[in-house]
Protein backbone atom coordinates (compact mmCIF):
# COMPACT_ATOMS: atom_id res chain seq x y z
CA MET A 1 73.64 91.65 -38.96
CA LEU A 2 71.52 89.81 -41.45
CA LYS A 3 73.64 87.35 -43.35
CA GLY A 4 73.73 87.83 -47.04
CA LEU A 5 72.41 91.45 -47.00
CA ASP A 6 75.56 93.29 -45.94
CA LYS A 7 76.72 93.44 -49.50
CA TYR A 8 73.65 95.53 -50.21
CA GLY A 9 74.46 98.02 -47.41
CA VAL A 10 71.65 96.80 -45.16
CA HIS A 11 72.47 96.34 -41.47
CA TRP A 12 70.55 94.98 -38.52
CA PRO A 13 69.08 95.95 -36.06
CA SER A 14 69.41 99.58 -37.24
CA GLN A 15 69.97 101.19 -40.59
CA GLN A 16 70.88 104.81 -41.40
CA ILE A 17 69.32 105.97 -44.62
CA GLU A 18 70.35 109.35 -45.97
CA GLY A 19 68.18 111.71 -48.00
CA ARG A 20 68.98 115.16 -49.31
CA GLY A 21 67.00 118.09 -50.68
CA LYS A 22 66.18 121.76 -50.56
CA PHE A 23 63.67 123.39 -48.24
CA ARG A 24 62.19 126.79 -47.63
CA PHE A 25 60.54 128.14 -44.48
CA THR A 26 59.03 131.29 -43.09
CA VAL A 27 59.70 132.77 -39.66
CA ARG A 28 57.02 134.48 -37.59
CA ASP A 29 57.00 136.23 -34.21
CA LEU A 30 60.65 137.16 -34.65
CA ALA A 31 62.04 140.19 -32.78
CA PHE A 32 65.58 141.36 -32.16
CA ASP A 33 67.32 143.21 -29.37
CA VAL A 34 70.05 145.18 -31.11
CA ARG A 35 72.83 146.69 -29.03
CA LEU A 36 74.52 149.50 -30.88
CA SER A 37 76.72 152.52 -30.31
CA ILE A 38 76.76 155.87 -32.11
CA ASP A 39 79.99 157.79 -32.48
CA VAL A 40 81.27 160.69 -34.55
CA ALA A 41 83.61 160.05 -37.44
CA GLY A 42 85.81 162.71 -38.98
CA SER A 43 86.55 166.20 -37.70
CA GLY A 44 85.44 169.79 -38.17
CA ALA A 45 82.92 170.42 -40.92
CA GLY A 46 83.43 166.87 -42.19
CA ARG A 47 81.99 165.16 -39.13
CA THR A 48 79.35 162.46 -39.55
CA ALA A 49 77.50 160.09 -37.23
CA LYS A 50 78.63 156.46 -37.34
CA VAL A 51 76.59 153.54 -35.99
CA THR A 52 78.22 150.30 -34.86
CA VAL A 53 76.07 147.24 -34.21
CA GLU A 54 77.64 145.56 -31.19
CA SER A 55 75.36 142.51 -30.95
CA VAL A 56 72.01 141.11 -32.08
CA ALA A 57 69.95 138.93 -29.76
CA ILE A 58 66.75 137.10 -30.65
CA ALA A 59 64.22 138.43 -28.15
CA THR A 60 61.30 136.08 -28.85
CA LYS A 61 60.61 132.42 -29.50
CA PRO A 62 60.11 132.44 -33.26
CA THR A 63 57.82 130.08 -35.14
CA PHE A 64 59.26 128.32 -38.21
CA THR A 65 56.83 127.12 -40.89
CA LEU A 66 58.01 124.70 -43.57
CA ASP A 67 56.89 125.36 -47.14
CA GLU A 68 56.03 121.78 -48.10
CA LYS A 69 55.54 122.64 -51.78
CA ALA A 70 59.12 123.85 -52.03
CA LEU A 71 60.56 120.78 -50.29
CA THR A 72 62.60 118.44 -52.51
CA ILE A 73 63.81 114.96 -51.59
CA GLU A 74 66.81 113.36 -53.26
CA GLY A 75 68.87 110.26 -52.53
CA ASP A 76 69.78 106.78 -53.72
CA THR A 77 67.01 105.19 -51.68
CA VAL A 78 64.31 107.70 -52.61
CA THR A 79 61.71 106.60 -55.12
CA GLU A 80 58.39 108.02 -56.23
CA LYS A 81 56.69 105.51 -53.94
CA THR A 82 58.70 106.52 -50.87
CA LYS A 83 58.90 110.29 -51.50
CA ASP A 84 55.71 111.05 -49.55
CA VAL A 85 57.04 109.07 -46.60
CA TRP A 86 60.26 111.05 -46.79
CA LYS A 87 58.38 114.36 -46.88
CA LYS A 88 56.26 113.40 -43.90
CA SER A 89 59.36 112.41 -41.95
CA ALA A 90 61.09 115.67 -42.92
CA LYS A 91 58.03 117.69 -41.84
CA ASN A 92 57.88 115.92 -38.48
CA ALA A 93 61.57 116.50 -37.92
CA PHE A 94 61.31 120.17 -38.95
CA ASN A 95 58.39 120.83 -36.60
CA SER A 96 60.15 119.41 -33.56
CA ASP A 97 61.39 121.54 -30.66
CA GLU A 98 64.93 120.39 -31.35
CA SER A 99 64.70 121.70 -34.89
CA ALA A 100 63.35 125.08 -33.75
CA LYS A 101 66.16 125.44 -31.23
CA ALA A 102 68.77 124.50 -33.80
CA LEU A 103 67.38 126.93 -36.40
CA THR A 104 67.18 129.73 -33.82
CA ALA A 105 70.78 129.11 -32.80
CA LYS A 106 71.93 129.13 -36.42
CA LEU A 107 69.99 132.34 -37.06
CA ALA A 108 71.50 134.01 -33.99
CA ALA A 109 74.99 132.99 -35.05
CA ALA A 110 74.45 134.35 -38.55
CA LEU A 111 73.15 137.67 -37.19
CA ASN A 112 76.23 138.08 -35.00
CA ALA A 113 78.78 137.16 -37.63
CA ASP A 114 81.34 139.93 -38.17
CA ASP A 115 80.53 140.41 -41.83
CA PHE A 116 76.79 140.70 -41.17
CA ARG A 117 77.23 143.14 -38.27
CA THR A 118 79.54 145.25 -40.44
CA GLU A 119 76.97 145.34 -43.23
CA PHE A 120 74.15 145.99 -40.73
CA SER A 121 76.14 148.84 -39.16
CA GLY A 122 76.65 150.46 -42.55
CA SER A 123 72.96 150.18 -43.38
CA VAL A 124 71.86 151.73 -40.06
CA THR A 125 74.48 154.48 -40.45
CA ASP A 126 73.09 155.31 -43.90
CA GLN A 127 69.53 155.41 -42.56
CA LEU A 128 70.56 157.69 -39.68
CA SER A 129 72.42 159.98 -42.06
CA LYS A 130 69.40 160.24 -44.36
CA ALA A 131 67.11 160.94 -41.41
CA LEU A 132 69.36 163.72 -40.08
CA ASP A 133 69.77 165.22 -43.55
CA GLY A 134 66.02 165.06 -44.10
CA VAL A 135 65.12 166.72 -40.80
CA LEU A 136 68.02 169.16 -40.36
CA GLY A 137 69.12 169.74 -43.94
CA THR A 138 72.62 169.54 -45.35
CA GLY A 139 73.92 172.99 -44.50
CA PRO A 140 77.62 173.28 -43.56
CA LEU A 141 78.47 172.66 -39.93
CA PRO A 142 79.68 175.64 -37.88
CA ALA A 143 83.45 175.83 -37.62
CA ASP A 144 83.34 176.59 -33.90
CA SER A 145 81.44 174.33 -31.51
CA GLY A 146 81.82 176.75 -28.62
CA GLN A 147 82.21 175.44 -25.08
CA PRO A 148 79.74 172.60 -24.41
CA PRO A 149 78.96 171.80 -20.78
CA THR A 150 80.96 169.16 -18.96
CA GLY A 151 79.69 165.67 -19.71
CA ASP A 152 78.55 166.34 -23.27
CA GLY A 153 80.48 164.17 -25.68
CA PRO A 154 81.31 164.54 -29.38
CA LEU A 155 77.92 163.15 -30.44
CA ASP A 156 76.00 165.74 -28.38
CA VAL A 157 78.12 168.52 -29.87
CA TYR A 158 77.73 167.14 -33.40
CA LEU A 159 73.93 166.97 -33.16
CA PHE A 160 73.83 170.48 -31.67
CA ASP A 161 75.98 171.76 -34.53
CA ARG A 162 73.56 170.16 -36.99
CA VAL A 163 70.77 172.14 -35.29
CA ARG A 164 72.80 175.36 -35.52
CA ALA A 165 73.35 174.73 -39.20
CA ALA A 166 69.62 174.12 -39.73
CA LEU A 167 68.78 177.43 -38.05
CA ASN A 168 70.85 179.22 -40.70
CA ASP A 169 69.66 177.22 -43.71
CA LYS A 170 66.95 179.05 -45.67
CA GLY A 171 65.64 175.74 -46.97
CA SER A 172 65.25 174.28 -43.50
CA GLY A 173 61.97 174.03 -41.63
CA PHE A 174 63.82 175.43 -38.62
CA TYR A 175 64.91 178.66 -40.33
CA PRO A 176 63.61 181.33 -37.89
CA PRO A 177 61.63 183.44 -40.43
CA THR A 178 59.95 180.24 -41.67
CA VAL A 179 59.04 179.23 -38.12
CA VAL A 180 57.51 182.65 -37.36
CA ARG A 181 55.51 182.85 -40.59
CA GLY A 182 54.33 179.26 -40.29
CA SER A 183 52.96 179.63 -36.77
CA THR A 184 49.17 179.90 -36.88
CA ASP A 185 47.87 178.67 -33.51
CA PRO A 186 49.11 180.71 -31.83
CA LYS A 187 50.39 183.32 -34.28
CA LEU A 188 53.81 184.75 -33.52
CA ASP A 189 53.51 187.66 -35.93
CA PRO A 190 52.27 190.13 -35.04
CA LEU A 191 52.71 190.02 -31.27
CA LYS A 192 49.70 191.66 -29.60
CA ILE A 193 49.90 193.37 -26.21
CA ASP A 194 46.87 194.79 -24.40
CA ASN A 195 48.24 197.91 -22.73
CA ILE A 196 51.51 199.61 -21.84
CA GLU A 197 51.42 202.13 -18.99
CA LEU A 198 53.54 205.22 -19.63
CA GLY A 199 52.92 207.09 -16.37
CA VAL A 200 51.92 210.68 -15.54
CA HIS A 201 53.77 213.45 -17.33
CA LYS A 202 53.43 217.20 -17.37
CA VAL A 203 52.31 218.70 -20.67
CA ILE A 204 52.78 222.47 -20.51
CA VAL A 205 51.33 222.89 -16.98
CA VAL A 206 48.87 219.99 -17.08
CA ASP A 207 49.46 216.53 -15.60
CA VAL A 208 48.49 213.84 -18.12
CA ASP A 209 48.38 210.07 -17.51
CA PHE A 210 49.44 208.28 -20.71
CA HIS A 211 49.16 204.67 -21.83
CA LEU A 212 49.21 202.68 -25.06
CA GLU A 213 46.28 200.51 -26.14
CA ASP A 214 45.95 197.83 -28.83
CA VAL A 215 49.70 197.41 -29.08
CA VAL A 216 50.82 195.40 -32.10
CA VAL A 217 54.49 194.45 -32.59
CA GLY A 218 55.28 193.65 -36.25
CA GLY A 219 58.38 192.74 -38.23
CA ILE A 220 59.04 189.62 -36.15
CA PRO A 221 59.85 187.39 -39.18
CA ASN A 222 62.96 189.51 -39.73
CA VAL A 223 64.94 187.41 -37.29
CA LEU A 224 68.07 185.28 -37.39
CA ILE A 225 69.97 183.09 -34.94
CA PRO A 226 73.62 183.21 -36.02
CA ALA A 227 75.53 180.03 -35.25
CA GLU A 228 77.84 181.87 -32.88
CA ASP A 229 74.81 183.08 -30.88
CA ALA A 230 73.64 179.60 -29.89
CA ALA A 231 75.25 177.61 -27.09
CA LEU A 232 74.71 174.14 -25.65
CA VAL A 233 74.21 174.50 -21.88
CA ALA A 234 73.29 172.23 -18.99
CA GLY A 235 69.62 173.25 -19.12
CA GLY A 236 69.24 172.94 -22.90
CA ILE A 237 70.16 175.64 -25.41
CA ASP A 238 70.77 179.35 -24.97
CA ALA A 239 70.27 181.40 -28.12
CA THR A 240 70.13 185.07 -29.06
CA LEU A 241 67.58 186.14 -31.65
CA ARG A 242 68.81 188.99 -33.82
CA PHE A 243 65.99 191.08 -35.31
CA GLY A 244 66.20 193.43 -38.27
CA ARG A 245 69.29 191.84 -39.84
CA ILE A 246 67.66 190.64 -43.07
CA SER A 247 68.01 193.28 -45.77
CA GLY A 248 64.77 194.29 -47.46
CA GLU A 249 62.56 192.93 -44.67
CA PRO A 250 60.52 195.21 -42.36
CA GLN A 251 62.13 196.31 -39.12
CA ILE A 252 60.51 195.75 -35.73
CA THR A 253 57.72 198.32 -35.55
CA VAL A 254 55.18 198.88 -32.79
CA HIS A 255 51.78 200.34 -33.72
CA ALA A 256 49.47 201.45 -30.93
CA THR A 257 46.80 203.91 -29.91
CA GLY A 258 48.17 206.47 -27.50
CA VAL A 259 45.68 207.63 -24.87
CA GLY A 260 46.12 210.61 -22.58
CA LYS A 261 43.94 211.38 -19.57
CA ILE A 262 44.12 214.80 -17.99
CA VAL A 263 44.45 214.02 -14.32
CA LYS A 264 42.49 217.01 -13.02
CA SER A 265 39.54 217.04 -15.41
CA GLY A 266 39.45 213.41 -16.48
CA ASP A 267 39.21 214.40 -20.13
CA HIS A 268 40.68 211.95 -22.65
CA PHE A 269 42.40 212.41 -25.97
CA GLN A 270 44.05 209.84 -28.21
CA GLY A 271 45.93 209.27 -31.46
CA PRO A 272 48.30 206.92 -33.28
CA VAL A 273 51.74 206.08 -31.95
CA VAL A 274 54.43 204.33 -34.01
CA VAL A 275 57.60 203.01 -32.40
CA THR A 276 60.48 201.89 -34.62
CA VAL A 277 62.99 199.60 -32.91
CA ASN A 278 66.39 199.36 -34.59
CA GLN A 279 67.81 195.83 -34.54
CA PRO A 280 66.84 194.60 -31.06
CA SER A 281 67.83 191.20 -29.72
CA VAL A 282 66.09 188.63 -27.55
CA ALA A 283 67.99 186.15 -25.40
CA LEU A 284 66.16 182.82 -25.13
CA GLY A 285 66.76 179.91 -22.78
CA LEU A 286 65.26 176.76 -24.30
CA SER A 287 64.61 173.43 -22.61
CA PHE A 288 63.74 170.12 -24.27
CA SER A 289 61.85 167.08 -23.00
CA GLY A 290 59.92 164.08 -24.34
CA ARG A 291 60.63 160.43 -25.04
CA ASP A 292 60.53 160.79 -28.82
CA ALA A 293 59.72 163.20 -31.63
CA ASP A 294 55.97 162.82 -31.09
CA GLU A 295 56.33 163.90 -27.46
CA LEU A 296 59.04 166.51 -28.02
CA THR A 297 58.27 169.57 -25.91
CA ILE A 298 60.19 172.84 -26.09
CA GLY A 299 60.03 175.09 -23.05
CA LEU A 300 61.14 178.67 -22.49
CA ARG A 301 63.38 178.95 -19.45
CA SER A 302 63.96 182.65 -20.08
CA LEU A 303 63.08 185.40 -22.54
CA ASP A 304 64.93 188.72 -22.23
CA LEU A 305 64.56 191.68 -24.59
CA GLN A 306 67.92 193.30 -25.20
CA VAL A 307 67.60 196.83 -26.54
CA THR A 308 68.65 200.26 -25.34
CA GLU A 309 66.55 203.41 -25.49
CA ASP A 310 68.71 204.95 -28.20
CA LYS A 311 67.48 202.20 -30.57
CA LEU A 312 63.87 203.46 -30.28
CA SER A 313 62.29 206.21 -32.37
CA ILE A 314 58.72 207.23 -31.50
CA GLU A 315 56.25 209.14 -33.67
CA VAL A 316 53.17 210.39 -31.87
CA HIS A 317 50.03 212.29 -32.89
CA ILE A 318 47.90 212.72 -29.80
CA GLY A 319 45.70 215.76 -29.24
CA LYS A 320 46.74 219.29 -30.08
CA TRP A 321 50.19 219.27 -28.46
CA ASP A 322 53.54 218.36 -29.94
CA LEU A 323 54.47 215.37 -27.80
CA SER A 324 57.45 214.11 -29.83
CA SER A 325 60.01 215.34 -27.34
CA LEU A 326 58.12 213.84 -24.39
CA PHE A 327 57.57 210.47 -26.03
CA ASN A 328 61.22 210.22 -27.07
CA SER A 329 62.39 210.84 -23.51
CA SER A 330 64.34 208.17 -21.63
CA ASP A 331 61.44 207.58 -19.24
CA ILE A 332 58.82 206.92 -21.93
CA LYS A 333 61.19 204.79 -24.05
CA ASN A 334 62.17 202.61 -21.10
CA ARG A 335 58.50 202.16 -20.20
CA VAL A 336 57.80 201.05 -23.77
CA ILE A 337 60.71 198.58 -23.60
CA LYS A 338 59.41 197.21 -20.29
CA GLY A 339 55.88 196.95 -21.71
CA ILE A 340 57.09 194.93 -24.69
CA GLN A 341 59.15 192.71 -22.37
CA ASP A 342 56.16 192.13 -20.08
CA GLY A 343 53.91 191.42 -23.05
CA ALA A 344 56.38 188.87 -24.41
CA ASN A 345 56.62 187.23 -21.00
CA ASP A 346 52.84 186.91 -20.92
CA ARG A 347 53.07 185.02 -24.23
CA LYS A 348 55.89 182.66 -23.21
CA ASN A 349 53.61 179.63 -23.16
CA ASP A 350 52.23 180.53 -26.59
CA ILE A 351 55.74 180.98 -27.97
CA ALA A 352 56.85 177.65 -26.50
CA LYS A 353 53.79 175.93 -27.99
CA ALA A 354 54.49 177.43 -31.41
CA LEU A 355 58.11 176.23 -31.29
CA THR A 356 57.02 172.76 -30.15
CA ASP A 357 54.32 172.43 -32.81
CA ASN A 358 56.71 173.53 -35.55
CA ALA A 359 59.45 171.12 -34.46
CA ARG A 360 57.06 168.16 -34.30
CA LYS A 361 55.56 169.05 -37.68
CA VAL A 362 58.91 169.45 -39.42
CA ILE A 363 60.33 166.21 -38.00
CA ALA A 364 57.18 164.22 -38.86
CA GLU A 365 57.01 165.58 -42.41
CA LYS A 366 60.70 165.02 -43.13
CA LEU A 367 60.78 161.50 -41.71
CA LYS A 368 57.60 160.58 -43.56
CA GLY A 369 58.98 161.92 -46.82
C-alpha cells in the first residue's frame, strides 16, 4: 500500500475502479428451439386448442453488437478526459467471449422464466386460434364426435370436428358447393363420361344394341356433407356426399345421346336421353399426406355411388318407337348406374387433384390474409 494515499481510496499494487452506465446492443444469428405441447381446453362445442411452451433453447451462437453511441459512462472517477478510455474498455469487455457467454446465458434464463413462457404460450395460442379460425371458419362444432379410431387423442378429434364444421359453413372455402364450382382444372361440374353400354334389347321383334354417347352429369354443386356423415378413420376420413338436398338447386341430371344399332341390318338411329337421379349419395374414402400445407395431398381411397334404380327416371326420344318402358326397366337403369360409377372411377385422379388444389388454395389465402 502506498503510504499517504489510502485516505484517498488508492491502493497498491491493484485498484478496483467502478464505472456505471447504460448500454444497448443488437443480437444477430439468433435462433430458438421451442418445445411446446398442444392440448384441448374446454368440452363439447366450447373446445379450443391450447398451446403450452415447455422450454426455449438457444440453437445458435448469437452475435452481440454494442451500440457505442448509446453507451453512457458514469462514476466518481469518470471525467471528460477519461470517458473515451472508459468506453474503449467497456467495448473490449463487451466483445469478449466471456461477455457473449454471459449474455447468452442471461437471455436463455429470461426466455425460460415462468412468466415469459406463460406469456409466450398465450401469444402462440392466440396465433393458432386465429389461423384455425381463418382457415376453417368459426362455425359451431358438431355435438357428436362419433367414434374416432384407437390412438387418436382429443386434439385429433377437435381438429377433425373443426373440419366437419367448415364443410357445413356456407362462408367457408371448404363448403362442398363452393369447392365444386371453384374447380376449373379439372372441372368437377359437369362430369363428362364418354360412353355407357346398355346392352342388346328386343324392340318389337328386332334386336337393338343400345349405348349412350356424350354423357354429361350435371347438378353436382347441389351437394352437402352433413357432420354426422363424416368419420375419422385409420386411413383418413370417410364421408358421404349427399346430392340434391339443397332446395332450389338443380337435381342430378344426366344428358346424353342415345344410340341404337339394329343388330341384323346395322342401321343406326339416335336421339336425346335425359336421366333424372333423385338424391343419390356418394361414399368417399379420403387420405391425406404431405409435410405441410404446401405439400398437402388429398387422395381418394374409394368412391362408391349409392343409389337404387327406383331413384332414376329416364326420358328417351330415339327413333320411331316408344322406348320409355324399356329404358325405365331395371336392366337399363342398373347399367346407367354402373356407367356413372365407372365414369366417376375413371376421374378419381382428377377429383383428388381438384380437392388438393382447393385445399392448398384456401389454406394459403386464409393464412396470407
